[in-house]
């Protein structure tokens, strides 16, 4: 099956309220353009430099999502164009995004990355951290960011019960946080679920899924 076929097949199974992010990291521009020509406009990259390079080469109506771990010193490179930053896991990173967004007279949308997996390798903040940030006066003064929801990554395991438990936890954290009333917090997005588990994630309340290999085929890590 072609990239376009894969994309259309996945889209045909998604509920209307679920947004598909095509995870295009390590893939050549030609592959992305095949997805673009099939109607896909949201692409997710996990390295800022790769995303910058692709942004320069590709049509400008694409929404670029940064889905990987973000280093503060690299924010400036994507600040002119990034559409949504998924992996915001601390306050200092929010401050930096706000500072760089202001230089371009933009408001950049962000998701707070919560640690829901039991694995130590996953980044993310605790529910208490998120609550502390969102209710702080310092956060309310950040005029060039908008936190629009949460993101989480489940443990890499075949144990569906564990994955379901972690997804359900993210949904319940989202439900708790959404009562917080502050101008730059408009909670509507729960980003969870990838190629292997997005159906389960949607059942657990996901509104945004990050799918790579099911669209583009297995990733080539050697390049």
C-alpha atoms as a PDB file:
ATOM      1  CA  UNK A   1       0.000   0.000   0.000  1.00  0.00           C
ATOM      2  CA  UNK A   2       1.159   3.530  -0.720  1.00  0.00           C
ATOM      3  CA  UNK A   3       1.558   6.314   1.829  1.00  0.00           C
ATOM      4  CA  UNK A   4      -1.631   7.908   0.488  1.00  0.00           C
ATOM      5  CA  UNK A   5      -3.532   4.616   0.853  1.00  0.00           C
ATOM      6  CA  UNK A   6      -2.270   4.139   4.409  1.00  0.00           C
ATOM      7  CA  UNK A   7      -3.262   7.686   5.295  1.00  0.00           C
ATOM      8  CA  UNK A   8      -6.758   7.416   3.844  1.00  0.00           C
ATOM      9  CA  UNK A   9      -7.298   4.040   5.485  1.00  0.00           C
ATOM     10  CA  UNK A  10      -6.399   5.434   8.941  1.00  0.00           C
ATOM     11  CA  UNK A  11      -8.426   8.625   8.444  1.00  0.00           C
ATOM     12  CA  UNK A  12     -11.500   6.615   7.463  1.00  0.00           C
ATOM     13  CA  UNK A  13     -11.488   4.960  10.914  1.00  0.00           C
ATOM     14  CA  UNK A  14     -11.053   8.129  13.001  1.00  0.00           C
ATOM     15  CA  UNK A  15     -13.907   9.893  14.797  1.00  0.00           C
ATOM     16  CA  UNK A  16     -14.454  13.505  13.689  1.00  0.00           C
ATOM     17  CA  UNK A  17     -13.045  14.975  16.936  1.00  0.00           C
ATOM     18  CA  UNK A  18      -9.663  13.217  16.616  1.00  0.00           C
ATOM     19  CA  UNK A  19      -6.754  15.000  14.902  1.00  0.00           C
ATOM     20  CA  UNK A  20      -4.139  12.939  13.086  1.00  0.00           C
ATOM     21  CA  UNK A  21      -0.504  14.044  13.367  1.00  0.00           C
ATOM     22  CA  UNK A  22       1.604  12.298  10.702  1.00  0.00           C
ATOM     23  CA  UNK A  23       4.908  11.538  12.427  1.00  0.00           C
ATOM     24  CA  UNK A  24       7.437  12.174   9.687  1.00  0.00           C
ATOM     25  CA  UNK A  25      10.742  12.113  11.579  1.00  0.00           C
ATOM     26  CA  UNK A  26      13.639  10.577   9.576  1.00  0.00           C
ATOM     27  CA  UNK A  27      11.432  10.447   6.450  1.00  0.00           C
ATOM     28  CA  UNK A  28      12.472  12.224   3.228  1.00  0.00           C
ATOM     29  CA  UNK A  29      10.548  15.221   1.916  1.00  0.00           C
ATOM     30  CA  UNK A  30       9.281  13.106  -1.014  1.00  0.00           C
ATOM     31  CA  UNK A  31       7.405  10.861   1.447  1.00  0.00           C
ATOM     32  CA  UNK A  32       5.944  13.858   3.261  1.00  0.00           C
ATOM     33  CA  UNK A  33       4.849  15.356  -0.044  1.00  0.00           C
ATOM     34  CA  UNK A  34       3.012  12.142  -0.898  1.00  0.00           C
ATOM     35  CA  UNK A  35       1.079  12.495   2.363  1.00  0.00           C
ATOM     36  CA  UNK A  36       0.601  16.221   1.703  1.00  0.00           C
ATOM     37  CA  UNK A  37      -0.816  15.524  -1.761  1.00  0.00           C
ATOM     38  CA  UNK A  38      -3.237  13.064  -0.167  1.00  0.00           C
ATOM     39  CA  UNK A  39      -4.538  15.912   2.012  1.00  0.00           C
ATOM     40  CA  UNK A  40      -2.435  15.676   5.181  1.00  0.00           C
ATOM     41  CA  UNK A  41      -1.495  19.077   6.636  1.00  0.00           C
ATOM     42  CA  UNK A  42      -0.216  18.237  10.123  1.00  0.00           C
ATOM     43  CA  UNK A  43       3.251  16.737  10.462  1.00  0.00           C
ATOM     44  CA  UNK A  44       5.148  15.855  13.638  1.00  0.00           C
ATOM     45  CA  UNK A  45       8.921  15.958  13.961  1.00  0.00           C
ATOM     46  CA  UNK A  46      11.074  15.165  16.971  1.00  0.00           C
ATOM     47  CA  UNK A  47      14.246  17.055  15.997  1.00  0.00           C
ATOM     48  CA  UNK A  48      14.036  20.827  15.615  1.00  0.00           C
ATOM     49  CA  UNK A  49      16.729  21.086  12.932  1.00  0.00           C
ATOM     50  CA  UNK A  50      15.059  18.441  10.774  1.00  0.00           C
ATOM     51  CA  UNK A  51      11.739  20.219  11.137  1.00  0.00           C
ATOM     52  CA  UNK A  52      13.300  23.577  10.166  1.00  0.00           C
ATOM     53  CA  UNK A  53      14.864  22.021   7.051  1.00  0.00           C
ATOM     54  CA  UNK A  54      11.582  20.433   5.966  1.00  0.00           C
ATOM     55  CA  UNK A  55       9.622  23.610   6.681  1.00  0.00           C
ATOM     56  CA  UNK A  56      11.933  25.519   4.337  1.00  0.00           C
ATOM     57  CA  UNK A  57      11.425  23.007   1.516  1.00  0.00           C
ATOM     58  CA  UNK A  58       7.701  22.362   1.815  1.00  0.00           C
ATOM     59  CA  UNK A  59       4.389  24.234   1.282  1.00  0.00           C
ATOM     60  CA  UNK A  60       3.640  26.908   3.843  1.00  0.00           C
ATOM     61  CA  UNK A  61       0.101  25.763   4.726  1.00  0.00           C
ATOM     62  CA  UNK A  62       1.532  22.872   6.761  1.00  0.00           C
ATOM     63  CA  UNK A  63       1.080  22.823  10.541  1.00  0.00           C
ATOM     64  CA  UNK A  64       4.349  21.649  12.086  1.00  0.00           C
ATOM     65  CA  UNK A  65       4.151  19.919  15.468  1.00  0.00           C
ATOM     66  CA  UNK A  66       7.243  19.438  17.615  1.00  0.00           C
ATOM     67  CA  UNK A  67       6.628  16.103  19.312  1.00  0.00           C
ATOM     68  CA  UNK A  68      10.087  15.293  20.683  1.00  0.00           C
ATOM     69  CA  UNK A  69      11.970  16.420  23.756  1.00  0.00           C
ATOM     70  CA  UNK A  70      12.725  20.142  23.434  1.00  0.00           C
ATOM     71  CA  UNK A  71      16.048  21.727  24.393  1.00  0.00           C
ATOM     72  CA  UNK A  72      15.595  25.345  25.437  1.00  0.00           C
ATOM     73  CA  UNK A  73      18.529  26.615  23.352  1.00  0.00           C
ATOM     74  CA  UNK A  74      16.877  25.324  20.165  1.00  0.00           C
ATOM     75  CA  UNK A  75      13.433  26.917  20.624  1.00  0.00           C
ATOM     76  CA  UNK A  76      14.474  30.018  18.679  1.00  0.00           C
ATOM     77  CA  UNK A  77      14.898  28.033  15.455  1.00  0.00           C
ATOM     78  CA  UNK A  78      11.270  26.870  15.331  1.00  0.00           C
ATOM     79  CA  UNK A  79       9.642  29.909  16.960  1.00  0.00           C
ATOM     80  CA  UNK A  80       8.825  31.637  13.627  1.00  0.00           C
ATOM     81  CA  UNK A  81       6.595  28.831  12.380  1.00  0.00           C
ATOM     82  CA  UNK A  82       5.894  25.947  14.789  1.00  0.00           C
ATOM     83  CA  UNK A  83       2.177  25.309  15.209  1.00  0.00           C
ATOM     84  CA  UNK A  84       2.099  23.167  18.382  1.00  0.00           C
ATOM     85  CA  UNK A  85       4.796  22.026  20.820  1.00  0.00           C
ATOM     86  CA  UNK A  86       3.784  18.745  22.466  1.00  0.00           C
ATOM     87  CA  UNK A  87       6.636  18.041  24.848  1.00  0.00           C
ATOM     88  CA  UNK A  88       6.641  20.920  27.327  1.00  0.00           C
ATOM     89  CA  UNK A  89       7.760  19.345  30.585  1.00  0.00           C
ATOM     90  CA  UNK A  90       8.915  22.275  32.737  1.00  0.00           C
ATOM     91  CA  UNK A  91       8.236  25.940  33.454  1.00  0.00           C
ATOM     92  CA  UNK A  92      11.593  27.234  32.198  1.00  0.00           C
ATOM     93  CA  UNK A  93      10.810  25.798  28.772  1.00  0.00           C
ATOM     94  CA  UNK A  94       7.460  27.633  28.745  1.00  0.00           C
ATOM     95  CA  UNK A  95       9.305  30.857  29.602  1.00  0.00           C
ATOM     96  CA  UNK A  96      11.733  30.342  26.724  1.00  0.00           C
ATOM     97  CA  UNK A  97       8.949  29.555  24.230  1.00  0.00           C
ATOM     98  CA  UNK A  98       7.127  32.681  25.388  1.00  0.00           C
ATOM     99  CA  UNK A  99      10.265  34.809  24.959  1.00  0.00           C
ATOM    100  CA  UNK A 100      10.978  33.512  21.440  1.00  0.00           C
ATOM    101  CA  UNK A 101       7.322  33.745  20.379  1.00  0.00           C
ATOM    102  CA  UNK A 102       7.251  37.398  21.460  1.00  0.00           C
ATOM    103  CA  UNK A 103      10.177  38.161  19.133  1.00  0.00           C
ATOM    104  CA  UNK A 104       8.026  37.004  16.200  1.00  0.00           C
ATOM    105  CA  UNK A 105       4.844  38.607  17.533  1.00  0.00           C
ATOM    106  CA  UNK A 106       3.239  35.174  17.786  1.00  0.00           C
ATOM    107  CA  UNK A 107       1.337  33.131  20.344  1.00  0.00           C
ATOM    108  CA  UNK A 108       2.630  29.556  20.283  1.00  0.00           C
ATOM    109  CA  UNK A 109       0.358  26.706  21.334  1.00  0.00           C
ATOM    110  CA  UNK A 110       1.809  24.170  23.766  1.00  0.00           C
ATOM    111  CA  UNK A 111       0.846  20.922  25.468  1.00  0.00           C
ATOM    112  CA  UNK A 112       2.081  20.022  28.932  1.00  0.00           C
ATOM    113  CA  UNK A 113       3.796  16.644  28.799  1.00  0.00           C
ATOM    114  CA  UNK A 114       2.759  14.522  31.749  1.00  0.00           C
ATOM    115  CA  UNK A 115       4.636  11.464  32.898  1.00  0.00           C
ATOM    116  CA  UNK A 116       2.107   8.629  32.848  1.00  0.00           C
ATOM    117  CA  UNK A 117       4.451   5.722  32.043  1.00  0.00           C
ATOM    118  CA  UNK A 118       6.263   3.681  34.656  1.00  0.00           C
ATOM    119  CA  UNK A 119       9.422   3.705  32.535  1.00  0.00           C
ATOM    120  CA  UNK A 120      12.199   6.005  33.737  1.00  0.00           C
ATOM    121  CA  UNK A 121      13.143   6.835  30.150  1.00  0.00           C
ATOM    122  CA  UNK A 122      10.046   8.931  29.515  1.00  0.00           C
ATOM    123  CA  UNK A 123      10.054  12.685  30.136  1.00  0.00           C
ATOM    124  CA  UNK A 124       7.179  14.550  31.709  1.00  0.00           C
ATOM    125  CA  UNK A 125       5.899  16.406  34.732  1.00  0.00           C
ATOM    126  CA  UNK A 126       3.653  15.180  37.512  1.00  0.00           C
ATOM    127  CA  UNK A 127       0.037  16.247  37.931  1.00  0.00           C
ATOM    128  CA  UNK A 128       1.113  18.371  40.919  1.00  0.00           C
ATOM    129  CA  UNK A 129       3.782  20.108  38.794  1.00  0.00           C
ATOM    130  CA  UNK A 130       1.229  20.914  36.090  1.00  0.00           C
ATOM    131  CA  UNK A 131      -1.251  22.262  38.615  1.00  0.00           C
ATOM    132  CA  UNK A 132       1.425  24.411  40.268  1.00  0.00           C
ATOM    133  CA  UNK A 133       2.449  25.933  36.929  1.00  0.00           C
ATOM    134  CA  UNK A 134      -1.069  26.606  35.655  1.00  0.00           C
ATOM    135  CA  UNK A 135      -2.215  28.257  38.883  1.00  0.00           C
ATOM    136  CA  UNK A 136       0.897  30.410  39.305  1.00  0.00           C
ATOM    137  CA  UNK A 137       0.832  34.147  38.727  1.00  0.00           C
ATOM    138  CA  UNK A 138       4.068  33.879  36.740  1.00  0.00           C
ATOM    139  CA  UNK A 139       2.369  31.567  34.230  1.00  0.00           C
ATOM    140  CA  UNK A 140      -0.594  33.912  33.770  1.00  0.00           C
ATOM    141  CA  UNK A 141       1.834  36.648  32.712  1.00  0.00           C
ATOM    142  CA  UNK A 142       3.190  34.651  29.750  1.00  0.00           C
ATOM    143  CA  UNK A 143       1.329  36.414  26.955  1.00  0.00           C
ATOM    144  CA  UNK A 144       2.889  34.639  23.961  1.00  0.00           C
ATOM    145  CA  UNK A 145       2.028  31.062  24.775  1.00  0.00           C
ATOM    146  CA  UNK A 146      -1.274  29.237  25.025  1.00  0.00           C
ATOM    147  CA  UNK A 147      -1.397  25.869  26.773  1.00  0.00           C
ATOM    148  CA  UNK A 148      -4.111  23.995  24.898  1.00  0.00           C
ATOM    149  CA  UNK A 149      -3.960  20.624  26.600  1.00  0.00           C
ATOM    150  CA  UNK A 150      -1.804  17.701  27.670  1.00  0.00           C
ATOM    151  CA  UNK A 151       0.364  15.033  26.075  1.00  0.00           C
ATOM    152  CA  UNK A 152       1.539  11.704  27.398  1.00  0.00           C
ATOM    153  CA  UNK A 153       3.378   8.580  26.306  1.00  0.00           C
ATOM    154  CA  UNK A 154       2.409   5.169  27.572  1.00  0.00           C
ATOM    155  CA  UNK A 155       4.928   2.535  28.599  1.00  0.00           C
ATOM    156  CA  UNK A 156       6.405   0.610  25.666  1.00  0.00           C
ATOM    157  CA  UNK A 157       4.789  -2.759  26.412  1.00  0.00           C
ATOM    158  CA  UNK A 158       2.415  -5.340  24.982  1.00  0.00           C
ATOM    159  CA  UNK A 159       0.372  -5.205  28.186  1.00  0.00           C
ATOM    160  CA  UNK A 160      -2.830  -3.516  27.016  1.00  0.00           C
ATOM    161  CA  UNK A 161      -4.193  -3.254  30.552  1.00  0.00           C
ATOM    162  CA  UNK A 162      -1.192  -1.200  31.621  1.00  0.00           C
ATOM    163  CA  UNK A 163      -1.401   1.041  28.547  1.00  0.00           C
ATOM    164  CA  UNK A 164      -5.127   1.547  29.129  1.00  0.00           C
ATOM    165  CA  UNK A 165      -4.478   2.439  32.767  1.00  0.00           C
ATOM    166  CA  UNK A 166      -1.889   5.049  31.752  1.00  0.00           C
ATOM    167  CA  UNK A 167      -4.104   6.574  29.044  1.00  0.00           C
ATOM    168  CA  UNK A 168      -7.030   6.721  31.473  1.00  0.00           C
ATOM    169  CA  UNK A 169      -4.772   8.465  33.968  1.00  0.00           C
ATOM    170  CA  UNK A 170      -3.885  11.175  31.431  1.00  0.00           C
ATOM    171  CA  UNK A 171      -7.568  11.732  30.670  1.00  0.00           C
ATOM    172  CA  UNK A 172      -8.360  12.055  34.372  1.00  0.00           C
ATOM    173  CA  UNK A 173      -5.480  14.525  34.914  1.00  0.00           C
ATOM    174  CA  UNK A 174      -6.791  16.554  31.963  1.00  0.00           C
ATOM    175  CA  UNK A 175     -10.280  16.556  33.488  1.00  0.00           C
ATOM    176  CA  UNK A 176      -8.873  17.778  36.811  1.00  0.00           C
ATOM    177  CA  UNK A 177      -6.727  20.516  35.249  1.00  0.00           C
ATOM    178  CA  UNK A 178      -9.392  21.863  32.913  1.00  0.00           C
ATOM    179  CA  UNK A 179     -11.233  23.541  35.778  1.00  0.00           C
ATOM    180  CA  UNK A 180      -8.240  25.881  36.274  1.00  0.00           C
ATOM    181  CA  UNK A 181      -9.223  29.326  35.072  1.00  0.00           C
ATOM    182  CA  UNK A 182      -6.361  31.372  33.653  1.00  0.00           C
ATOM    183  CA  UNK A 183      -6.311  33.309  30.363  1.00  0.00           C
ATOM    184  CA  UNK A 184      -3.527  31.417  28.601  1.00  0.00           C
ATOM    185  CA  UNK A 185      -4.901  27.948  29.368  1.00  0.00           C
ATOM    186  CA  UNK A 186      -7.623  26.703  27.005  1.00  0.00           C
ATOM    187  CA  UNK A 187      -7.716  22.947  27.479  1.00  0.00           C
ATOM    188  CA  UNK A 188      -9.077  21.063  24.494  1.00  0.00           C
ATOM    189  CA  UNK A 189      -6.371  18.636  23.365  1.00  0.00           C
ATOM    190  CA  UNK A 190      -5.332  15.272  24.789  1.00  0.00           C
ATOM    191  CA  UNK A 191      -2.428  14.030  22.670  1.00  0.00           C
ATOM    192  CA  UNK A 192      -1.925  10.316  23.256  1.00  0.00           C
ATOM    193  CA  UNK A 193      -1.717   7.208  21.148  1.00  0.00           C
ATOM    194  CA  UNK A 194       0.695   6.125  18.425  1.00  0.00           C
ATOM    195  CA  UNK A 195       0.681   3.577  15.578  1.00  0.00           C
ATOM    196  CA  UNK A 196       0.328   0.533  17.829  1.00  0.00           C
ATOM    197  CA  UNK A 197      -2.191   1.815  20.350  1.00  0.00           C
ATOM    198  CA  UNK A 198      -4.094   4.798  18.933  1.00  0.00           C
ATOM    199  CA  UNK A 199      -7.420   2.945  18.825  1.00  0.00           C
ATOM    200  CA  UNK A 200      -7.140   2.236  22.542  1.00  0.00           C
ATOM    201  CA  UNK A 201      -6.060   5.847  23.163  1.00  0.00           C
ATOM    202  CA  UNK A 202      -9.158   7.154  21.363  1.00  0.00           C
ATOM    203  CA  UNK A 203     -11.343   4.848  23.466  1.00  0.00           C
ATOM    204  CA  UNK A 204      -9.676   6.376  26.545  1.00  0.00           C
ATOM    205  CA  UNK A 205     -10.385   9.975  25.459  1.00  0.00           C
ATOM    206  CA  UNK A 206      -7.557  10.994  23.112  1.00  0.00           C
ATOM    207  CA  UNK A 207      -8.319  13.886  20.743  1.00  0.00           C
ATOM    208  CA  UNK A 208      -4.956  13.823  18.925  1.00  0.00           C
ATOM    209  CA  UNK A 209      -2.932  10.813  17.789  1.00  0.00           C
ATOM    210  CA  UNK A 210       0.671  10.667  16.590  1.00  0.00           C
ATOM    211  CA  UNK A 211       1.035   8.056  13.854  1.00  0.00           C
ATOM    212  CA  UNK A 212       4.237   7.386  11.915  1.00  0.00           C
ATOM    213  CA  UNK A 213       5.023   3.825  10.866  1.00  0.00           C
ATOM    214  CA  UNK A 214       1.414   2.969   9.986  1.00  0.00           C
ATOM    215  CA  UNK A 215       1.526   5.801   7.416  1.00  0.00           C
ATOM    216  CA  UNK A 216       5.141   5.895   6.222  1.00  0.00           C
ATOM    217  CA  UNK A 217       6.297   2.350   6.948  1.00  0.00           C
ATOM    218  CA  UNK A 218       8.980   1.329   9.432  1.00  0.00           C
ATOM    219  CA  UNK A 219      11.527   4.030  10.274  1.00  0.00           C
ATOM    220  CA  UNK A 220      15.047   3.771   9.005  1.00  0.00           C
ATOM    221  CA  UNK A 221      17.324   4.584  11.941  1.00  0.00           C
ATOM    222  CA  UNK A 222      20.571   4.188  10.023  1.00  0.00           C
ATOM    223  CA  UNK A 223      20.387   7.491   8.136  1.00  0.00           C
END
